[in-house]
Amino acid sequence: MQNNAGFNTPADKLVLIVDDDDSVRELIEFIVKEDGFRVEKASDGAEALAKARSLHPDLILLDLMLPKFGGFEIVRELQGDDTGDIPIVIITGRYTDRSTSEMIKQESNVKEFMEKPIKLHVLSATVHRILHTQPPPKKAKP
């Protein structure tokens, strides 16, 4: 559903968070839920592929270093079937040189590449930009 300004509603969008580090996954979940999105999580590559295929999320936030399939294999695997249109944001703690990150960005379903530690406001803005949504109004603090 779109609002008057032509933006989608965050509550209508499902974001799949894939990271094997519980604390990182929980932090990203907090940010994404705070912005009004629905969230599903996966802690390894096999679970990520299964959830991507069964739930067809609107966006995948994907760590590169995962057990049971790495992030790059997931990116490639999801291009091959009806999940090829799901945008992916790569989030990695592994140092990647410029040529490697540029190569990953060339993949048709990769929309953004971020390095950890994640800048929370940048992650939030990126998710909203890709999904054509607006953040909810900030609640006034008492």
N, C-alpha and C. Protein backbone atom coordinates (compact mmCIF):
# COMPACT_ATOMS: atom_id res chain seq x y z
N MET A 1 0.84 -1.19 0.00
CA MET A 1 0.00 0.00 0.00
C MET A 1 0.89 1.25 0.00
N GLN A 2 0.45 2.29 -0.70
CA GLN A 2 1.21 3.52 -0.76
C GLN A 2 0.46 4.62 -0.01
N ASN A 3 1.25 5.54 0.57
CA ASN A 3 0.62 6.69 1.21
C ASN A 3 0.45 7.82 0.19
N ASN A 4 -0.01 8.97 0.64
CA ASN A 4 -0.30 10.09 -0.26
C ASN A 4 0.91 10.58 -1.04
N ALA A 5 2.11 10.42 -0.45
CA ALA A 5 3.31 10.92 -1.11
C ALA A 5 3.90 9.89 -2.08
N GLY A 6 3.21 8.76 -2.27
CA GLY A 6 3.69 7.74 -3.19
C GLY A 6 4.68 6.76 -2.59
N PHE A 7 4.84 6.81 -1.28
CA PHE A 7 5.75 5.88 -0.61
C PHE A 7 4.98 4.66 -0.14
N ASN A 8 5.68 3.51 -0.08
CA ASN A 8 5.09 2.30 0.48
C ASN A 8 5.08 2.37 2.00
N THR A 9 4.25 1.57 2.61
CA THR A 9 4.15 1.52 4.06
C THR A 9 5.12 0.46 4.59
N PRO A 10 6.01 0.82 5.53
CA PRO A 10 6.97 -0.16 6.05
C PRO A 10 6.31 -1.44 6.58
N ALA A 11 5.15 -1.33 7.20
CA ALA A 11 4.49 -2.50 7.78
C ALA A 11 4.09 -3.52 6.72
N ASP A 12 4.03 -3.09 5.46
CA ASP A 12 3.69 -4.00 4.36
C ASP A 12 4.93 -4.73 3.82
N LYS A 13 6.10 -4.40 4.33
CA LYS A 13 7.36 -4.93 3.79
C LYS A 13 8.01 -5.90 4.77
N LEU A 14 8.48 -7.03 4.23
CA LEU A 14 9.17 -8.04 5.03
C LEU A 14 10.66 -8.01 4.72
N VAL A 15 11.48 -7.89 5.77
CA VAL A 15 12.94 -7.86 5.63
C VAL A 15 13.50 -9.13 6.26
N LEU A 16 14.30 -9.87 5.49
CA LEU A 16 14.98 -11.06 6.00
C LEU A 16 16.40 -10.67 6.40
N ILE A 17 16.71 -10.87 7.68
CA ILE A 17 18.03 -10.55 8.22
C ILE A 17 18.82 -11.84 8.35
N VAL A 18 19.97 -11.91 7.69
CA VAL A 18 20.78 -13.13 7.70
C VAL A 18 22.16 -12.81 8.26
N ASP A 19 22.43 -13.31 9.47
CA ASP A 19 23.74 -13.14 10.10
C ASP A 19 23.91 -14.24 11.13
N ASP A 20 25.10 -14.82 11.21
CA ASP A 20 25.31 -15.90 12.18
C ASP A 20 25.67 -15.38 13.57
N ASP A 21 25.87 -14.08 13.72
CA ASP A 21 26.18 -13.48 15.01
C ASP A 21 24.88 -12.98 15.65
N ASP A 22 24.48 -13.61 16.76
CA ASP A 22 23.21 -13.26 17.42
C ASP A 22 23.11 -11.78 17.74
N SER A 23 24.17 -11.19 18.26
CA SER A 23 24.09 -9.79 18.68
C SER A 23 23.92 -8.86 17.48
N VAL A 24 24.59 -9.16 16.38
CA VAL A 24 24.44 -8.34 15.17
C VAL A 24 23.02 -8.49 14.63
N ARG A 25 22.54 -9.73 14.57
CA ARG A 25 21.19 -10.00 14.06
C ARG A 25 20.15 -9.26 14.90
N GLU A 26 20.31 -9.29 16.23
CA GLU A 26 19.36 -8.61 17.11
C GLU A 26 19.42 -7.09 16.95
N LEU A 27 20.62 -6.54 16.78
CA LEU A 27 20.76 -5.10 16.58
C LEU A 27 20.06 -4.67 15.28
N ILE A 28 20.33 -5.40 14.21
CA ILE A 28 19.71 -5.06 12.92
C ILE A 28 18.19 -5.23 13.03
N GLU A 29 17.74 -6.29 13.70
CA GLU A 29 16.31 -6.50 13.88
C GLU A 29 15.67 -5.32 14.61
N PHE A 30 16.33 -4.85 15.67
CA PHE A 30 15.81 -3.71 16.43
C PHE A 30 15.64 -2.49 15.53
N ILE A 31 16.65 -2.19 14.73
CA ILE A 31 16.61 -1.01 13.85
C ILE A 31 15.47 -1.15 12.83
N VAL A 32 15.40 -2.31 12.20
CA VAL A 32 14.43 -2.52 11.13
C VAL A 32 13.00 -2.50 11.69
N LYS A 33 12.79 -3.13 12.85
CA LYS A 33 11.45 -3.11 13.47
C LYS A 33 11.08 -1.71 13.94
N GLU A 34 12.06 -0.98 14.47
CA GLU A 34 11.84 0.40 14.93
C GLU A 34 11.34 1.26 13.77
N ASP A 35 11.80 0.95 12.56
CA ASP A 35 11.37 1.69 11.37
C ASP A 35 10.05 1.17 10.81
N GLY A 36 9.45 0.18 11.48
CA GLY A 36 8.11 -0.25 11.11
C GLY A 36 8.01 -1.46 10.21
N PHE A 37 9.14 -2.08 9.86
CA PHE A 37 9.12 -3.23 8.96
C PHE A 37 8.84 -4.53 9.71
N ARG A 38 8.32 -5.51 8.98
CA ARG A 38 8.21 -6.87 9.51
C ARG A 38 9.56 -7.54 9.30
N VAL A 39 9.90 -8.47 10.19
CA VAL A 39 11.23 -9.08 10.17
C VAL A 39 11.16 -10.59 10.26
N GLU A 40 12.01 -11.25 9.49
CA GLU A 40 12.30 -12.68 9.64
C GLU A 40 13.81 -12.76 9.76
N LYS A 41 14.30 -13.82 10.43
CA LYS A 41 15.74 -13.94 10.64
C LYS A 41 16.22 -15.33 10.24
N ALA A 42 17.49 -15.39 9.84
CA ALA A 42 18.14 -16.66 9.56
C ALA A 42 19.58 -16.55 10.06
N SER A 43 20.10 -17.68 10.57
CA SER A 43 21.45 -17.64 11.15
C SER A 43 22.48 -18.39 10.32
N ASP A 44 22.06 -19.02 9.22
CA ASP A 44 23.03 -19.66 8.34
C ASP A 44 22.50 -19.63 6.90
N GLY A 45 23.36 -20.03 5.97
CA GLY A 45 23.03 -19.94 4.56
C GLY A 45 21.87 -20.83 4.14
N ALA A 46 21.81 -22.04 4.68
CA ALA A 46 20.73 -22.96 4.30
C ALA A 46 19.38 -22.42 4.75
N GLU A 47 19.31 -21.91 5.97
CA GLU A 47 18.06 -21.33 6.49
C GLU A 47 17.68 -20.09 5.67
N ALA A 48 18.68 -19.30 5.30
CA ALA A 48 18.43 -18.09 4.51
C ALA A 48 17.81 -18.44 3.16
N LEU A 49 18.37 -19.44 2.48
CA LEU A 49 17.81 -19.85 1.18
C LEU A 49 16.39 -20.37 1.32
N ALA A 50 16.16 -21.19 2.33
CA ALA A 50 14.82 -21.75 2.54
C ALA A 50 13.80 -20.64 2.82
N LYS A 51 14.15 -19.69 3.68
CA LYS A 51 13.22 -18.61 4.01
C LYS A 51 13.03 -17.65 2.84
N ALA A 52 14.09 -17.40 2.08
CA ALA A 52 13.95 -16.51 0.92
C ALA A 52 12.98 -17.11 -0.08
N ARG A 53 13.07 -18.42 -0.28
CA ARG A 53 12.19 -19.08 -1.25
C ARG A 53 10.76 -19.21 -0.74
N SER A 54 10.58 -19.50 0.54
CA SER A 54 9.22 -19.72 1.05
C SER A 54 8.50 -18.41 1.37
N LEU A 55 9.23 -17.40 1.84
CA LEU A 55 8.58 -16.15 2.28
C LEU A 55 8.64 -15.04 1.22
N HIS A 56 9.55 -15.16 0.28
CA HIS A 56 9.78 -14.13 -0.74
C HIS A 56 9.79 -12.73 -0.09
N PRO A 57 10.80 -12.46 0.77
CA PRO A 57 10.86 -11.15 1.44
C PRO A 57 11.05 -10.01 0.44
N ASP A 58 10.77 -8.80 0.90
CA ASP A 58 10.93 -7.62 0.05
C ASP A 58 12.38 -7.16 -0.02
N LEU A 59 13.18 -7.59 0.98
CA LEU A 59 14.60 -7.21 1.04
C LEU A 59 15.33 -8.23 1.90
N ILE A 60 16.58 -8.51 1.54
CA ILE A 60 17.43 -9.38 2.35
C ILE A 60 18.66 -8.59 2.78
N LEU A 61 18.92 -8.56 4.09
CA LEU A 61 20.14 -7.99 4.63
C LEU A 61 21.05 -9.18 4.93
N LEU A 62 22.14 -9.32 4.19
CA LEU A 62 22.90 -10.56 4.14
C LEU A 62 24.36 -10.39 4.53
N ASP A 63 24.77 -11.14 5.55
CA ASP A 63 26.18 -11.23 5.92
C ASP A 63 26.88 -12.12 4.89
N LEU A 64 28.15 -11.83 4.59
CA LEU A 64 28.87 -12.66 3.62
C LEU A 64 29.43 -13.94 4.24
N MET A 65 29.88 -13.87 5.48
CA MET A 65 30.52 -15.01 6.12
C MET A 65 29.49 -15.78 6.95
N LEU A 66 29.03 -16.90 6.39
CA LEU A 66 27.98 -17.69 7.03
C LEU A 66 28.32 -19.17 6.99
N PRO A 67 27.86 -19.93 8.00
CA PRO A 67 27.97 -21.39 7.89
C PRO A 67 26.92 -21.91 6.90
N LYS A 68 27.16 -23.08 6.32
CA LYS A 68 26.22 -23.76 5.41
C LYS A 68 25.85 -22.90 4.20
N PHE A 69 26.75 -22.45 3.45
CA PHE A 69 26.64 -21.57 2.27
C PHE A 69 27.08 -20.18 2.69
N GLY A 70 28.01 -19.63 1.96
CA GLY A 70 28.42 -18.26 2.21
C GLY A 70 27.47 -17.29 1.52
N GLY A 71 27.58 -16.03 1.88
CA GLY A 71 26.71 -15.01 1.31
C GLY A 71 26.79 -14.91 -0.20
N PHE A 72 28.01 -15.07 -0.74
CA PHE A 72 28.14 -14.94 -2.19
C PHE A 72 27.40 -16.07 -2.90
N GLU A 73 27.46 -17.29 -2.33
CA GLU A 73 26.72 -18.42 -2.91
C GLU A 73 25.21 -18.16 -2.85
N ILE A 74 24.76 -17.55 -1.77
CA ILE A 74 23.33 -17.24 -1.62
C ILE A 74 22.90 -16.22 -2.68
N VAL A 75 23.71 -15.18 -2.86
CA VAL A 75 23.42 -14.18 -3.90
C VAL A 75 23.23 -14.86 -5.25
N ARG A 76 24.17 -15.73 -5.60
CA ARG A 76 24.11 -16.42 -6.89
C ARG A 76 22.93 -17.39 -6.97
N GLU A 77 22.70 -18.13 -5.90
CA GLU A 77 21.62 -19.12 -5.87
C GLU A 77 20.25 -18.44 -6.04
N LEU A 78 20.07 -17.28 -5.42
CA LEU A 78 18.78 -16.59 -5.49
C LEU A 78 18.53 -15.93 -6.85
N GLN A 79 19.55 -15.83 -7.68
CA GLN A 79 19.35 -15.27 -9.02
C GLN A 79 18.70 -16.29 -9.95
N GLY A 80 18.77 -17.56 -9.58
CA GLY A 80 18.38 -18.61 -10.50
C GLY A 80 16.91 -18.96 -10.54
N ASP A 81 16.10 -18.50 -9.62
CA ASP A 81 14.68 -18.88 -9.62
C ASP A 81 13.80 -17.65 -9.41
N ASP A 82 12.62 -17.85 -8.88
CA ASP A 82 11.68 -16.72 -8.76
C ASP A 82 12.08 -15.74 -7.65
N THR A 83 13.25 -15.92 -7.05
CA THR A 83 13.74 -15.00 -6.03
C THR A 83 14.73 -13.98 -6.60
N GLY A 84 14.95 -14.02 -7.89
CA GLY A 84 15.93 -13.14 -8.52
C GLY A 84 15.62 -11.66 -8.41
N ASP A 85 14.36 -11.34 -8.11
CA ASP A 85 13.96 -9.93 -8.01
C ASP A 85 14.05 -9.39 -6.58
N ILE A 86 14.47 -10.21 -5.62
CA ILE A 86 14.57 -9.74 -4.23
C ILE A 86 15.87 -8.95 -4.09
N PRO A 87 15.78 -7.67 -3.72
CA PRO A 87 17.01 -6.89 -3.54
C PRO A 87 17.77 -7.36 -2.30
N ILE A 88 19.10 -7.33 -2.40
CA ILE A 88 19.97 -7.77 -1.31
C ILE A 88 20.93 -6.64 -0.94
N VAL A 89 21.08 -6.42 0.37
CA VAL A 89 22.10 -5.53 0.89
C VAL A 89 23.13 -6.41 1.60
N ILE A 90 24.36 -6.37 1.14
CA ILE A 90 25.44 -7.13 1.75
C ILE A 90 25.96 -6.34 2.95
N ILE A 91 26.08 -7.03 4.08
CA ILE A 91 26.65 -6.43 5.28
C ILE A 91 27.75 -7.37 5.74
N THR A 92 28.99 -6.90 5.73
CA THR A 92 30.09 -7.80 6.06
C THR A 92 31.07 -7.20 7.06
N GLY A 93 31.61 -8.06 7.90
CA GLY A 93 32.64 -7.65 8.83
C GLY A 93 34.02 -8.02 8.30
N ARG A 94 34.03 -8.75 7.20
CA ARG A 94 35.28 -9.18 6.61
C ARG A 94 35.83 -8.06 5.74
N TYR A 95 37.12 -7.81 5.87
CA TYR A 95 37.72 -6.79 5.03
C TYR A 95 37.61 -7.23 3.57
N THR A 96 37.09 -6.36 2.75
CA THR A 96 37.03 -6.65 1.32
C THR A 96 37.69 -5.49 0.58
N ASP A 97 38.59 -5.83 -0.32
CA ASP A 97 39.23 -4.76 -1.08
C ASP A 97 38.21 -4.19 -2.07
N ARG A 98 38.57 -3.07 -2.62
CA ARG A 98 37.65 -2.34 -3.50
C ARG A 98 37.20 -3.19 -4.69
N SER A 99 38.11 -3.95 -5.28
CA SER A 99 37.73 -4.73 -6.46
C SER A 99 36.74 -5.84 -6.10
N THR A 100 36.90 -6.43 -4.92
CA THR A 100 35.97 -7.47 -4.49
C THR A 100 34.59 -6.88 -4.22
N SER A 101 34.54 -5.77 -3.51
CA SER A 101 33.24 -5.15 -3.23
C SER A 101 32.58 -4.67 -4.52
N GLU A 102 33.35 -4.16 -5.47
CA GLU A 102 32.79 -3.73 -6.75
C GLU A 102 32.25 -4.93 -7.53
N MET A 103 32.96 -6.06 -7.46
CA MET A 103 32.52 -7.27 -8.14
C MET A 103 31.17 -7.75 -7.56
N ILE A 104 31.06 -7.72 -6.25
CA ILE A 104 29.82 -8.15 -5.60
C ILE A 104 28.67 -7.20 -5.97
N LYS A 105 28.96 -5.91 -6.01
CA LYS A 105 27.92 -4.92 -6.36
C LYS A 105 27.41 -5.10 -7.79
N GLN A 106 28.21 -5.77 -8.65
CA GLN A 106 27.78 -5.99 -10.03
C GLN A 106 26.71 -7.06 -10.15
N GLU A 107 26.52 -7.86 -9.11
CA GLU A 107 25.48 -8.89 -9.14
C GLU A 107 24.12 -8.22 -9.26
N SER A 108 23.26 -8.77 -10.08
CA SER A 108 21.99 -8.12 -10.41
C SER A 108 21.09 -7.89 -9.20
N ASN A 109 21.15 -8.73 -8.19
CA ASN A 109 20.26 -8.58 -7.04
C ASN A 109 20.90 -7.85 -5.87
N VAL A 110 22.17 -7.49 -5.94
CA VAL A 110 22.84 -6.75 -4.87
C VAL A 110 22.66 -5.25 -5.11
N LYS A 111 22.01 -4.60 -4.17
CA LYS A 111 21.72 -3.17 -4.31
C LYS A 111 22.66 -2.28 -3.52
N GLU A 112 23.30 -2.85 -2.49
CA GLU A 112 24.17 -2.04 -1.64
C GLU A 112 25.17 -2.95 -0.94
N PHE A 113 26.30 -2.39 -0.53
CA PHE A 113 27.36 -3.13 0.14
C PHE A 113 27.79 -2.30 1.34
N MET A 114 27.70 -2.86 2.55
CA MET A 114 28.07 -2.12 3.77
C MET A 114 29.07 -2.94 4.57
N GLU A 115 29.96 -2.24 5.24
CA GLU A 115 30.90 -2.92 6.12
C GLU A 115 30.51 -2.68 7.57
N LYS A 116 30.78 -3.70 8.40
CA LYS A 116 30.57 -3.58 9.84
C LYS A 116 31.77 -2.83 10.41
N PRO A 117 31.63 -2.06 11.47
CA PRO A 117 30.39 -1.86 12.21
C PRO A 117 29.40 -1.02 11.40
N ILE A 118 28.15 -1.41 11.50
CA ILE A 118 27.08 -0.78 10.74
C ILE A 118 26.76 0.59 11.34
N LYS A 119 26.63 1.57 10.47
CA LYS A 119 26.13 2.88 10.90
C LYS A 119 24.61 2.78 10.84
N LEU A 120 23.97 2.86 11.99
CA LEU A 120 22.54 2.58 12.09
C LEU A 120 21.70 3.49 11.21
N HIS A 121 22.00 4.78 11.18
CA HIS A 121 21.21 5.71 10.36
C HIS A 121 21.41 5.42 8.87
N VAL A 122 22.60 4.96 8.49
CA VAL A 122 22.86 4.63 7.08
C VAL A 122 22.07 3.38 6.70
N LEU A 123 22.06 2.37 7.57
CA LEU A 123 21.29 1.16 7.31
C LEU A 123 19.81 1.50 7.17
N SER A 124 19.29 2.28 8.08
CA SER A 124 17.88 2.68 8.04
C SER A 124 17.55 3.41 6.74
N ALA A 125 18.37 4.38 6.38
CA ALA A 125 18.13 5.16 5.16
C ALA A 125 18.21 4.26 3.92
N THR A 126 19.14 3.31 3.92
CA THR A 126 19.31 2.41 2.78
C THR A 126 18.09 1.52 2.59
N VAL A 127 17.59 0.95 3.69
CA VAL A 127 16.41 0.09 3.62
C VAL A 127 15.21 0.89 3.09
N HIS A 128 15.01 2.07 3.61
CA HIS A 128 13.89 2.90 3.15
C HIS A 128 14.04 3.29 1.67
N ARG A 129 15.26 3.61 1.26
CA ARG A 129 15.48 3.99 -0.14
C ARG A 129 15.16 2.83 -1.08
N ILE A 130 15.65 1.65 -0.75
CA ILE A 130 15.46 0.49 -1.63
C ILE A 130 13.98 0.08 -1.68
N LEU A 131 13.30 0.16 -0.54
CA LEU A 131 11.89 -0.28 -0.48
C LEU A 131 10.89 0.85 -0.74
N HIS A 132 11.40 2.04 -1.03
CA HIS A 132 10.54 3.20 -1.33
C HIS A 132 9.55 3.45 -0.19
N THR A 133 10.09 3.50 1.02
CA THR A 133 9.27 3.77 2.21
C THR A 133 9.84 4.99 2.92
N GLN A 134 9.09 5.46 3.89
CA GLN A 134 9.55 6.57 4.72
C GLN A 134 9.57 6.10 6.17
N PRO A 135 10.55 6.58 6.95
CA PRO A 135 10.56 6.22 8.36
C PRO A 135 9.31 6.75 9.05
N PRO A 136 8.83 6.04 10.08
CA PRO A 136 7.68 6.55 10.82
C PRO A 136 8.08 7.81 11.56
N PRO A 137 7.11 8.67 11.87
CA PRO A 137 7.45 9.88 12.64
C PRO A 137 8.05 9.48 13.98
N LYS A 138 9.08 10.21 14.39
CA LYS A 138 9.71 9.90 15.67
C LYS A 138 8.75 10.27 16.80
N LYS A 139 8.71 9.37 17.78
CA LYS A 139 7.86 9.62 18.93
C LYS A 139 8.54 10.64 19.82
N ALA A 140 7.76 11.58 20.32
CA ALA A 140 8.32 12.59 21.24
C ALA A 140 8.66 11.91 22.55
N LYS A 141 9.83 12.25 23.09
CA LYS A 141 10.22 11.65 24.35
C LYS A 141 9.64 12.46 25.50
N PRO A 142 9.08 11.76 26.48
CA PRO A 142 8.45 12.50 27.61
C PRO A 142 9.44 13.26 28.43
